[in-house]
Amino acid sequence: MKAPPFAYARAESLDDALALLAEAGDEAKLLAGGQSLVPLLAYRVLRPTHLVDIDALTSLETHERTPEGLRLGALVRHEQLATMSVKGAERVLAEAAGHVGHLPIRTRGTIGGSLAHADPAAELPVALLALGATLHVRSTAATRDLGVEELLLGPYTTSLAADEAIVGVTVPEAACERRGAFAEFAVRSGDFALAAVAVVATVDGNEKRDVRIALGGVDATAIRASSAEALLERAELTDDAIAEASTAAATDCDPASDAGTSAPYRRALVARLVRDALTRIREEWA
């Protein structure tokens, strides 16, 4: 199928892109790597009247370490994330990016596009939720910061206004001193994950505190496994503690059944993946 007709504009700057968004209103879409948007256009799932191409905005491709943490521009590509030099729990983001699709998709797809697309099975929102990342959003009128849980409202639905764009992400500096692991299961390499898990924790001797467990592909959005987190607060990662938290995580989500996978199977995957991630943290940073 072919995409429906639309007006196309290639932005020369971020200010230009935001002005074009404001002018076009609710019927405009930003085009960056295009790995999510273009297929939706081809199948006419989306019918925007205007596309604003921001792929040439090099100001959004940068990444740097700031006093607040690792700052990533919205156009940082998945493959950049997968191969980036990282510290501590930042590895969760690199590992998640390495699971995204195949190399051509990772080369073109962007961190901002993944967040704005809000696919419940996407890896990067899971990793950023576990890391407690801050998203930076701009329009012609204002700038605001929000967390991943504030952005994601439902499947393919975000809290972004029609004239707003994600311009960057900051992974907090504290992540460098924390520990983390990412795990997912897909039927084939490059397929959408049936379940994905990111775990980040502060390691203090045998105790693990400030534990954050994020789940993807098993609810309407990426979510926190709050009851599993509570069980692990200041707990030693014994086999029993890991097993109890893994079981709790499986009950924290609400997966759907579909033609290929049942909800109970996805819950079982969550339990196994959480167990694997926690075991890695214990073994690598005991």
C-alpha atoms as a PDB file:
ATOM      1  CA  MET A   1       0.000   0.000   0.000  1.00  0.00           C
ATOM      2  CA  LYS A   2       1.000   3.617  -0.430  1.00  0.00           C
ATOM      3  CA  ALA A   3       0.872   6.345   2.191  1.00  0.00           C
ATOM      4  CA  PRO A   4      -2.010   8.833   2.022  1.00  0.00           C
ATOM      5  CA  PRO A   5      -1.154  12.279   0.616  1.00  0.00           C
ATOM      6  CA  PHE A   6       0.506  14.758   2.974  1.00  0.00           C
ATOM      7  CA  ALA A   7       2.431  18.016   2.944  1.00  0.00           C
ATOM      8  CA  TYR A   8       6.151  17.604   3.630  1.00  0.00           C
ATOM      9  CA  ALA A   9       8.545  20.083   5.228  1.00  0.00           C
ATOM     10  CA  ARG A  10      12.207  19.529   6.097  1.00  0.00           C
ATOM     11  CA  ALA A  11      13.061  21.517   9.214  1.00  0.00           C
ATOM     12  CA  GLU A  12      16.269  23.550   9.152  1.00  0.00           C
ATOM     13  CA  SER A  13      16.449  23.941  12.932  1.00  0.00           C
ATOM     14  CA  LEU A  14      14.647  22.837  16.086  1.00  0.00           C
ATOM     15  CA  ASP A  15      12.876  26.199  16.290  1.00  0.00           C
ATOM     16  CA  ASP A  16      11.792  25.749  12.670  1.00  0.00           C
ATOM     17  CA  ALA A  17      10.429  22.264  13.424  1.00  0.00           C
ATOM     18  CA  LEU A  18       8.490  23.433  16.479  1.00  0.00           C
ATOM     19  CA  ALA A  19       7.032  26.354  14.524  1.00  0.00           C
ATOM     20  CA  LEU A  20       5.911  24.010  11.756  1.00  0.00           C
ATOM     21  CA  LEU A  21       4.291  21.704  14.313  1.00  0.00           C
ATOM     22  CA  ALA A  22       2.450  24.601  15.920  1.00  0.00           C
ATOM     23  CA  GLU A  23       1.260  25.822  12.527  1.00  0.00           C
ATOM     24  CA  ALA A  24       0.019  22.442  11.296  1.00  0.00           C
ATOM     25  CA  GLY A  25      -1.804  21.541  14.521  1.00  0.00           C
ATOM     26  CA  ASP A  26      -3.190  18.127  15.426  1.00  0.00           C
ATOM     27  CA  GLU A  27      -2.687  16.653  11.957  1.00  0.00           C
ATOM     28  CA  ALA A  28       1.121  16.946  11.924  1.00  0.00           C
ATOM     29  CA  LYS A  29       3.683  14.229  12.681  1.00  0.00           C
ATOM     30  CA  LEU A  30       7.425  14.446  13.219  1.00  0.00           C
ATOM     31  CA  LEU A  31       9.569  12.252  10.980  1.00  0.00           C
ATOM     32  CA  ALA A  32      12.970  11.224  12.340  1.00  0.00           C
ATOM     33  CA  GLY A  33      14.348   7.741  11.623  1.00  0.00           C
ATOM     34  CA  GLY A  34      10.953   6.695  10.277  1.00  0.00           C
ATOM     35  CA  GLN A  35      11.234   3.077  11.448  1.00  0.00           C
ATOM     36  CA  SER A  36       7.865   3.189  13.223  1.00  0.00           C
ATOM     37  CA  LEU A  37       6.075   5.975  11.378  1.00  0.00           C
ATOM     38  CA  VAL A  38       6.673   4.940   7.755  1.00  0.00           C
ATOM     39  CA  PRO A  39       5.108   1.460   8.086  1.00  0.00           C
ATOM     40  CA  LEU A  40       2.066   3.008   9.765  1.00  0.00           C
ATOM     41  CA  LEU A  41       1.761   5.443   6.862  1.00  0.00           C
ATOM     42  CA  ALA A  42       2.114   2.636   4.326  1.00  0.00           C
ATOM     43  CA  TYR A  43      -0.732   0.690   5.954  1.00  0.00           C
ATOM     44  CA  ARG A  44      -2.718   3.921   6.392  1.00  0.00           C
ATOM     45  CA  VAL A  45      -3.045   3.355  10.107  1.00  0.00           C
ATOM     46  CA  LEU A  46      -2.032   7.017  10.413  1.00  0.00           C
ATOM     47  CA  ARG A  47      -3.179   9.732   8.004  1.00  0.00           C
ATOM     48  CA  PRO A  48      -1.361  12.942   8.935  1.00  0.00           C
ATOM     49  CA  THR A  49      -1.832  15.934   6.692  1.00  0.00           C
ATOM     50  CA  HIS A  50       1.689  17.235   7.409  1.00  0.00           C
ATOM     51  CA  LEU A  51       5.072  15.597   8.011  1.00  0.00           C
ATOM     52  CA  VAL A  52       7.863  17.622   9.598  1.00  0.00           C
ATOM     53  CA  ASP A  53      11.219  15.998   8.857  1.00  0.00           C
ATOM     54  CA  ILE A  54      13.756  16.557  11.668  1.00  0.00           C
ATOM     55  CA  ASP A  55      16.263  13.914  10.578  1.00  0.00           C
ATOM     56  CA  ALA A  56      18.874  16.553   9.601  1.00  0.00           C
ATOM     57  CA  LEU A  57      18.891  18.352  12.972  1.00  0.00           C
ATOM     58  CA  THR A  58      22.407  17.525  14.135  1.00  0.00           C
ATOM     59  CA  SER A  59      21.816  19.449  17.375  1.00  0.00           C
ATOM     60  CA  LEU A  60      19.581  16.555  18.481  1.00  0.00           C
ATOM     61  CA  GLU A  61      22.154  13.865  17.667  1.00  0.00           C
ATOM     62  CA  THR A  62      24.599  14.720  20.442  1.00  0.00           C
ATOM     63  CA  HIS A  63      25.288  12.950  23.711  1.00  0.00           C
ATOM     64  CA  GLU A  64      27.331  14.278  26.608  1.00  0.00           C
ATOM     65  CA  ARG A  65      27.976  13.850  30.304  1.00  0.00           C
ATOM     66  CA  THR A  66      26.642  16.692  32.408  1.00  0.00           C
ATOM     67  CA  PRO A  67      26.495  17.206  36.191  1.00  0.00           C
ATOM     68  CA  GLU A  68      22.920  15.877  36.051  1.00  0.00           C
ATOM     69  CA  GLY A  69      23.855  12.730  34.135  1.00  0.00           C
ATOM     70  CA  LEU A  70      24.149  11.329  30.619  1.00  0.00           C
ATOM     71  CA  ARG A  71      22.272  13.681  28.279  1.00  0.00           C
ATOM     72  CA  LEU A  72      21.090  12.116  25.014  1.00  0.00           C
ATOM     73  CA  GLY A  73      19.604  14.056  22.124  1.00  0.00           C
ATOM     74  CA  ALA A  74      16.319  12.798  20.710  1.00  0.00           C
ATOM     75  CA  LEU A  75      17.998  11.775  17.437  1.00  0.00           C
ATOM     76  CA  VAL A  76      20.614   9.525  19.032  1.00  0.00           C
ATOM     77  CA  ARG A  77      20.250   6.252  17.120  1.00  0.00           C
ATOM     78  CA  HIS A  78      19.660   2.847  18.650  1.00  0.00           C
ATOM     79  CA  GLU A  79      22.978   1.557  17.339  1.00  0.00           C
ATOM     80  CA  GLN A  80      24.804   4.488  18.966  1.00  0.00           C
ATOM     81  CA  LEU A  81      23.212   3.535  22.273  1.00  0.00           C
ATOM     82  CA  ALA A  82      24.064  -0.134  21.815  1.00  0.00           C
ATOM     83  CA  THR A  83      27.762   0.601  21.253  1.00  0.00           C
ATOM     84  CA  MET A  84      28.177   3.609  23.549  1.00  0.00           C
ATOM     85  CA  SER A  85      30.695   3.651  26.392  1.00  0.00           C
ATOM     86  CA  VAL A  86      28.537   3.336  29.519  1.00  0.00           C
ATOM     87  CA  LYS A  87      29.005   3.238  33.276  1.00  0.00           C
ATOM     88  CA  GLY A  88      27.230   1.176  35.939  1.00  0.00           C
ATOM     89  CA  ALA A  89      23.517   0.738  35.358  1.00  0.00           C
ATOM     90  CA  GLU A  90      23.691   2.704  32.093  1.00  0.00           C
ATOM     91  CA  ARG A  91      24.464  -0.684  30.577  1.00  0.00           C
ATOM     92  CA  VAL A  92      20.724  -1.395  30.802  1.00  0.00           C
ATOM     93  CA  LEU A  93      20.088   1.200  28.082  1.00  0.00           C
ATOM     94  CA  ALA A  94      22.867  -0.149  25.865  1.00  0.00           C
ATOM     95  CA  GLU A  95      21.637  -3.728  26.271  1.00  0.00           C
ATOM     96  CA  ALA A  96      18.051  -2.726  25.511  1.00  0.00           C
ATOM     97  CA  ALA A  97      19.083  -0.843  22.367  1.00  0.00           C
ATOM     98  CA  GLY A  98      20.987  -3.903  21.164  1.00  0.00           C
ATOM     99  CA  HIS A  99      17.731  -5.887  21.171  1.00  0.00           C
ATOM    100  CA  VAL A 100      15.869  -3.412  18.930  1.00  0.00           C
ATOM    101  CA  GLY A 101      14.997  -4.953  15.555  1.00  0.00           C
ATOM    102  CA  HIS A 102      17.879  -5.578  13.177  1.00  0.00           C
ATOM    103  CA  LEU A 103      20.964  -3.513  12.340  1.00  0.00           C
ATOM    104  CA  PRO A 104      19.339  -1.361   9.602  1.00  0.00           C
ATOM    105  CA  ILE A 105      16.525  -0.477  12.017  1.00  0.00           C
ATOM    106  CA  ARG A 106      18.960   0.283  14.835  1.00  0.00           C
ATOM    107  CA  THR A 107      21.030   2.442  12.493  1.00  0.00           C
ATOM    108  CA  ARG A 108      18.071   4.641  11.583  1.00  0.00           C
ATOM    109  CA  GLY A 109      15.717   4.468  14.568  1.00  0.00           C
ATOM    110  CA  THR A 110      15.992   7.112  17.294  1.00  0.00           C
ATOM    111  CA  ILE A 111      15.501   7.235  21.048  1.00  0.00           C
ATOM    112  CA  GLY A 112      12.995  10.089  20.736  1.00  0.00           C
ATOM    113  CA  GLY A 113      11.019   8.264  18.081  1.00  0.00           C
ATOM    114  CA  SER A 114      10.794   5.128  20.187  1.00  0.00           C
ATOM    115  CA  LEU A 115       9.458   7.075  23.163  1.00  0.00           C
ATOM    116  CA  ALA A 116       6.961   9.095  21.114  1.00  0.00           C
ATOM    117  CA  HIS A 117       5.697   5.966  19.327  1.00  0.00           C
ATOM    118  CA  ALA A 118       4.875   4.375  22.716  1.00  0.00           C
ATOM    119  CA  ASP A 119       4.780   0.773  21.553  1.00  0.00           C
ATOM    120  CA  PRO A 120       4.046  -1.342  24.665  1.00  0.00           C
ATOM    121  CA  ALA A 121       6.688  -3.860  23.499  1.00  0.00           C
ATOM    122  CA  ALA A 122       9.447  -1.296  22.862  1.00  0.00           C
ATOM    123  CA  GLU A 123      12.709  -1.883  24.715  1.00  0.00           C
ATOM    124  CA  LEU A 124      13.948   1.664  25.327  1.00  0.00           C
ATOM    125  CA  PRO A 125      10.994   2.896  27.429  1.00  0.00           C
ATOM    126  CA  VAL A 126      11.508  -0.121  29.699  1.00  0.00           C
ATOM    127  CA  ALA A 127      15.193   0.653  30.194  1.00  0.00           C
ATOM    128  CA  LEU A 128      14.620   4.378  30.726  1.00  0.00           C
ATOM    129  CA  LEU A 129      11.805   3.715  33.201  1.00  0.00           C
ATOM    130  CA  ALA A 130      14.068   1.464  35.265  1.00  0.00           C
ATOM    131  CA  LEU A 131      16.825   4.083  35.164  1.00  0.00           C
ATOM    132  CA  GLY A 132      14.510   6.889  36.329  1.00  0.00           C
ATOM    133  CA  ALA A 133      15.355   8.969  33.258  1.00  0.00           C
ATOM    134  CA  THR A 134      14.034  12.472  32.672  1.00  0.00           C
ATOM    135  CA  LEU A 135      12.561  13.371  29.281  1.00  0.00           C
ATOM    136  CA  HIS A 136      12.948  16.906  27.922  1.00  0.00           C
ATOM    137  CA  VAL A 137      10.024  18.230  25.897  1.00  0.00           C
ATOM    138  CA  ARG A 138       9.694  21.517  24.003  1.00  0.00           C
ATOM    139  CA  SER A 139       7.141  23.519  22.086  1.00  0.00           C
ATOM    140  CA  THR A 140       7.272  27.071  20.755  1.00  0.00           C
ATOM    141  CA  ALA A 141       5.664  28.236  23.995  1.00  0.00           C
ATOM    142  CA  ALA A 142       7.303  26.200  26.758  1.00  0.00           C
ATOM    143  CA  THR A 143       9.843  23.632  27.924  1.00  0.00           C
ATOM    144  CA  ARG A 144       9.013  20.895  30.400  1.00  0.00           C
ATOM    145  CA  ASP A 145      10.559  17.775  31.907  1.00  0.00           C
ATOM    146  CA  LEU A 146       8.708  14.571  32.704  1.00  0.00           C
ATOM    147  CA  GLY A 147       9.301  10.958  33.618  1.00  0.00           C
ATOM    148  CA  VAL A 148       8.663   7.979  31.367  1.00  0.00           C
ATOM    149  CA  GLU A 149       5.581   7.028  33.403  1.00  0.00           C
ATOM    150  CA  GLU A 150       4.177  10.538  32.824  1.00  0.00           C
ATOM    151  CA  LEU A 151       4.724  10.276  29.074  1.00  0.00           C
ATOM    152  CA  LEU A 152       3.166   6.873  28.447  1.00  0.00           C
ATOM    153  CA  LEU A 153      -0.629   6.881  28.747  1.00  0.00           C
ATOM    154  CA  GLY A 154      -1.505   3.722  26.832  1.00  0.00           C
ATOM    155  CA  PRO A 155      -0.658   1.731  23.707  1.00  0.00           C
ATOM    156  CA  TYR A 156       0.736   4.209  21.149  1.00  0.00           C
ATOM    157  CA  THR A 157      -0.605   7.066  23.263  1.00  0.00           C
ATOM    158  CA  THR A 158       1.441   9.728  25.058  1.00  0.00           C
ATOM    159  CA  SER A 159       0.869  12.914  27.017  1.00  0.00           C
ATOM    160  CA  LEU A 160       2.625  15.006  24.358  1.00  0.00           C
ATOM    161  CA  ALA A 161       0.596  17.921  23.050  1.00  0.00           C
ATOM    162  CA  ALA A 162       0.258  18.249  19.286  1.00  0.00           C
ATOM    163  CA  ASP A 163       2.863  21.022  19.185  1.00  0.00           C
ATOM    164  CA  GLU A 164       5.395  19.326  21.489  1.00  0.00           C
ATOM    165  CA  ALA A 165       8.486  17.308  20.648  1.00  0.00           C
ATOM    166  CA  ILE A 166      10.828  15.198  22.764  1.00  0.00           C
ATOM    167  CA  VAL A 167      14.209  16.891  22.365  1.00  0.00           C
ATOM    168  CA  GLY A 168      16.338  14.858  24.765  1.00  0.00           C
ATOM    169  CA  VAL A 169      16.681  12.416  27.631  1.00  0.00           C
ATOM    170  CA  THR A 170      18.841  12.539  30.756  1.00  0.00           C
ATOM    171  CA  VAL A 171      19.882   9.353  32.539  1.00  0.00           C
ATOM    172  CA  PRO A 172      20.632  10.463  36.128  1.00  0.00           C
ATOM    173  CA  GLU A 173      24.239  10.605  37.276  1.00  0.00           C
ATOM    174  CA  ALA A 174      23.388   8.169  40.077  1.00  0.00           C
ATOM    175  CA  ALA A 175      23.068   5.414  37.451  1.00  0.00           C
ATOM    176  CA  CYS A 176      26.861   5.331  37.160  1.00  0.00           C
ATOM    177  CA  GLU A 177      27.104   4.029  40.745  1.00  0.00           C
ATOM    178  CA  ARG A 178      24.219   1.599  40.452  1.00  0.00           C
ATOM    179  CA  ARG A 179      23.947  -1.860  38.939  1.00  0.00           C
ATOM    180  CA  GLY A 180      21.567  -3.127  36.310  1.00  0.00           C
ATOM    181  CA  ALA A 181      20.592  -5.804  33.822  1.00  0.00           C
ATOM    182  CA  PHE A 182      18.202  -6.075  30.867  1.00  0.00           C
ATOM    183  CA  ALA A 183      16.591  -9.255  29.532  1.00  0.00           C
ATOM    184  CA  GLU A 184      13.882 -10.044  27.004  1.00  0.00           C
ATOM    185  CA  PHE A 185      12.379 -12.960  25.123  1.00  0.00           C
ATOM    186  CA  ALA A 186      11.348 -12.888  21.468  1.00  0.00           C
ATOM    187  CA  VAL A 187      10.472 -15.806  19.221  1.00  0.00           C
ATOM    188  CA  ARG A 188      13.185 -14.783  16.740  1.00  0.00           C
ATOM    189  CA  SER A 189      16.039 -12.294  16.995  1.00  0.00           C
ATOM    190  CA  GLY A 190      14.714  -8.909  15.932  1.00  0.00           C
ATOM    191  CA  ASP A 191      11.058  -9.737  16.625  1.00  0.00           C
ATOM    192  CA  PHE A 192       9.002  -7.728  19.085  1.00  0.00           C
ATOM    193  CA  ALA A 193       9.586  -8.948  22.616  1.00  0.00           C
ATOM    194  CA  LEU A 194       6.900 -11.103  24.192  1.00  0.00           C
ATOM    195  CA  ALA A 195       8.232  -9.776  27.491  1.00  0.00           C
ATOM    196  CA  ALA A 196      11.122  -7.517  28.502  1.00  0.00           C
ATOM    197  CA  VAL A 197      12.606  -6.656  31.884  1.00  0.00           C
ATOM    198  CA  ALA A 198      15.048  -4.035  33.144  1.00  0.00           C
ATOM    199  CA  VAL A 199      16.337  -4.093  36.729  1.00  0.00           C
ATOM    200  CA  VAL A 200      18.381  -1.321  38.369  1.00  0.00           C
ATOM    201  CA  ALA A 201      19.528  -1.328  42.006  1.00  0.00           C
ATOM    202  CA  THR A 202      21.983   0.255  44.403  1.00  0.00           C
ATOM    203  CA  VAL A 203      24.339  -2.381  45.723  1.00  0.00           C
ATOM    204  CA  ASP A 204      25.405  -1.928  49.352  1.00  0.00           C
ATOM    205  CA  GLY A 205      27.329  -4.997  50.456  1.00  0.00           C
ATOM    206  CA  ASN A 206      24.929  -7.910  50.311  1.00  0.00           C
ATOM    207  CA  GLU A 207      21.901  -5.602  50.450  1.00  0.00           C
ATOM    208  CA  LYS A 208      20.151  -4.190  47.398  1.00  0.00           C
ATOM    209  CA  ARG A 209      18.182  -0.966  47.809  1.00  0.00           C
ATOM    210  CA  ASP A 210      16.405   1.573  45.609  1.00  0.00           C
ATOM    211  CA  VAL A 211      15.424  -1.350  43.419  1.00  0.00           C
ATOM    212  CA  ARG A 212      13.576  -0.463  40.212  1.00  0.00           C
ATOM    213  CA  ILE A 213      12.081  -3.233  38.068  1.00  0.00           C
ATOM    214  CA  ALA A 214      10.468  -2.227  34.768  1.00  0.00           C
ATOM    215  CA  LEU A 215       8.450  -4.539  32.530  1.00  0.00           C
ATOM    216  CA  GLY A 216       7.592  -4.242  28.842  1.00  0.00           C
ATOM    217  CA  GLY A 217       5.315  -6.099  26.453  1.00  0.00           C
ATOM    218  CA  VAL A 218       3.043  -7.282  29.271  1.00  0.00           C
ATOM    219  CA  ASP A 219       0.760  -4.310  29.912  1.00  0.00           C
ATOM    220  CA  ALA A 220      -0.661  -1.258  28.157  1.00  0.00           C
ATOM    221  CA  THR A 221       2.658   0.556  28.654  1.00  0.00           C
ATOM    222  CA  ALA A 222       6.028  -0.097  30.212  1.00  0.00           C
ATOM    223  CA  ILE A 223       5.341  -0.411  33.958  1.00  0.00           C
ATOM    224  CA  ARG A 224       7.108  -0.739  37.305  1.00  0.00           C
ATOM    225  CA  ALA A 225       6.778  -4.016  39.210  1.00  0.00           C
ATOM    226  CA  SER A 226       6.109  -2.253  42.506  1.00  0.00           C
ATOM    227  CA  SER A 227       5.354  -5.251  44.733  1.00  0.00           C
ATOM    228  CA  ALA A 228       8.488  -7.039  43.540  1.00  0.00           C
ATOM    229  CA  GLU A 229      10.519  -3.893  44.225  1.00  0.00           C
ATOM    230  CA  ALA A 230       9.148  -3.667  47.762  1.00  0.00           C
ATOM    231  CA  LEU A 231      10.123  -7.250  48.509  1.00  0.00           C
ATOM    232  CA  LEU A 232      13.729  -6.562  47.553  1.00  0.00           C
ATOM    233  CA  GLU A 233      14.217  -3.297  49.442  1.00  0.00           C
ATOM    234  CA  ARG A 234      17.303  -3.823  51.639  1.00  0.00           C
ATOM    235  CA  ALA A 235      17.101  -7.558  51.054  1.00  0.00           C
ATOM    236  CA  GLU A 236      19.986  -9.872  50.368  1.00  0.00           C
ATOM    237  CA  LEU A 237      19.705 -11.469  46.943  1.00  0.00           C
ATOM    238  CA  THR A 238      19.347 -15.053  48.068  1.00  0.00           C
ATOM    239  CA  ASP A 239      17.779 -17.656  45.814  1.00  0.00           C
ATOM    240  CA  ASP A 240      14.583 -17.469  47.880  1.00  0.00           C
ATOM    241  CA  ALA A 241      14.414 -13.663  47.680  1.00  0.00           C
ATOM    242  CA  ILE A 242      14.935 -13.732  43.932  1.00  0.00           C
ATOM    243  CA  ALA A 243      12.260 -16.397  43.475  1.00  0.00           C
ATOM    244  CA  GLU A 244       9.739 -14.478  45.597  1.00  0.00           C
ATOM    245  CA  ALA A 245      10.373 -11.199  43.772  1.00  0.00           C
ATOM    246  CA  SER A 246      10.155 -12.903  40.372  1.00  0.00           C
ATOM    247  CA  THR A 247       6.776 -14.388  41.242  1.00  0.00           C
ATOM    248  CA  ALA A 248       5.553 -11.011  42.503  1.00  0.00           C
ATOM    249  CA  ALA A 249       6.661  -9.282  39.299  1.00  0.00           C
ATOM    250  CA  ALA A 250       4.556 -11.712  37.272  1.00  0.00           C
ATOM    251  CA  THR A 251       1.477 -10.643  39.238  1.00  0.00           C
ATOM    252  CA  ASP A 252       2.276  -6.924  38.881  1.00  0.00           C
ATOM    253  CA  CYS A 253       1.514  -6.916  35.147  1.00  0.00           C
ATOM    254  CA  ASP A 254      -1.648  -7.454  33.111  1.00  0.00           C
ATOM    255  CA  PRO A 255      -0.623  -9.103  29.834  1.00  0.00           C
ATOM    256  CA  ALA A 256      -3.031  -9.816  27.012  1.00  0.00           C
ATOM    257  CA  SER A 257      -3.514 -13.065  25.169  1.00  0.00           C
ATOM    258  CA  ASP A 258      -3.303 -13.071  21.389  1.00  0.00           C
ATOM    259  CA  ALA A 259      -3.295 -15.584  18.544  1.00  0.00           C
ATOM    260  CA  GLY A 260       0.268 -16.662  19.280  1.00  0.00           C
ATOM    261  CA  THR A 261       0.771 -16.158  23.013  1.00  0.00           C
ATOM    262  CA  SER A 262      -1.334 -16.534  26.142  1.00  0.00           C
ATOM    263  CA  ALA A 263      -1.364 -14.188  29.112  1.00  0.00           C
ATOM    264  CA  PRO A 264      -0.199 -16.935  31.524  1.00  0.00           C
ATOM    265  CA  TYR A 265       2.772 -17.626  29.251  1.00  0.00           C
ATOM    266  CA  ARG A 266       3.781 -13.950  29.284  1.00  0.00           C
ATOM    267  CA  ARG A 267       3.539 -13.919  33.081  1.00  0.00           C
ATOM    268  CA  ALA A 268       5.791 -16.966  33.221  1.00  0.00           C
ATOM    269  CA  LEU A 269       8.257 -15.162  30.958  1.00  0.00           C
ATOM    270  CA  VAL A 270       8.267 -12.155  33.284  1.00  0.00           C
ATOM    271  CA  ALA A 271       9.078 -14.351  36.275  1.00  0.00           C
ATOM    272  CA  ARG A 272      11.919 -16.055  34.412  1.00  0.00           C
ATOM    273  CA  LEU A 273      13.371 -12.812  33.024  1.00  0.00           C
ATOM    274  CA  VAL A 274      13.268 -11.034  36.382  1.00  0.00           C
ATOM    275  CA  ARG A 275      14.965 -14.028  37.963  1.00  0.00           C
ATOM    276  CA  ASP A 276      17.670 -14.003  35.286  1.00  0.00           C
ATOM    277  CA  ALA A 277      18.272 -10.243  35.620  1.00  0.00           C
ATOM    278  CA  LEU A 278      18.498 -10.346  39.411  1.00  0.00           C
ATOM    279  CA  THR A 279      20.812 -13.343  39.280  1.00  0.00           C
ATOM    280  CA  ARG A 280      23.114 -11.480  36.906  1.00  0.00           C
ATOM    281  CA  ILE A 281      23.257  -8.504  39.279  1.00  0.00           C
ATOM    282  CA  ARG A 282      24.087 -10.806  42.174  1.00  0.00           C
ATOM    283  CA  GLU A 283      26.754 -12.735  40.324  1.00  0.00           C
ATOM    284  CA  GLU A 284      28.457  -9.856  38.539  1.00  0.00           C
ATOM    285  CA  TRP A 285      28.469  -7.354  41.379  1.00  0.00           C
ATOM    286  CA  ALA A 286      28.273  -9.438  44.545  1.00  0.00           C
END
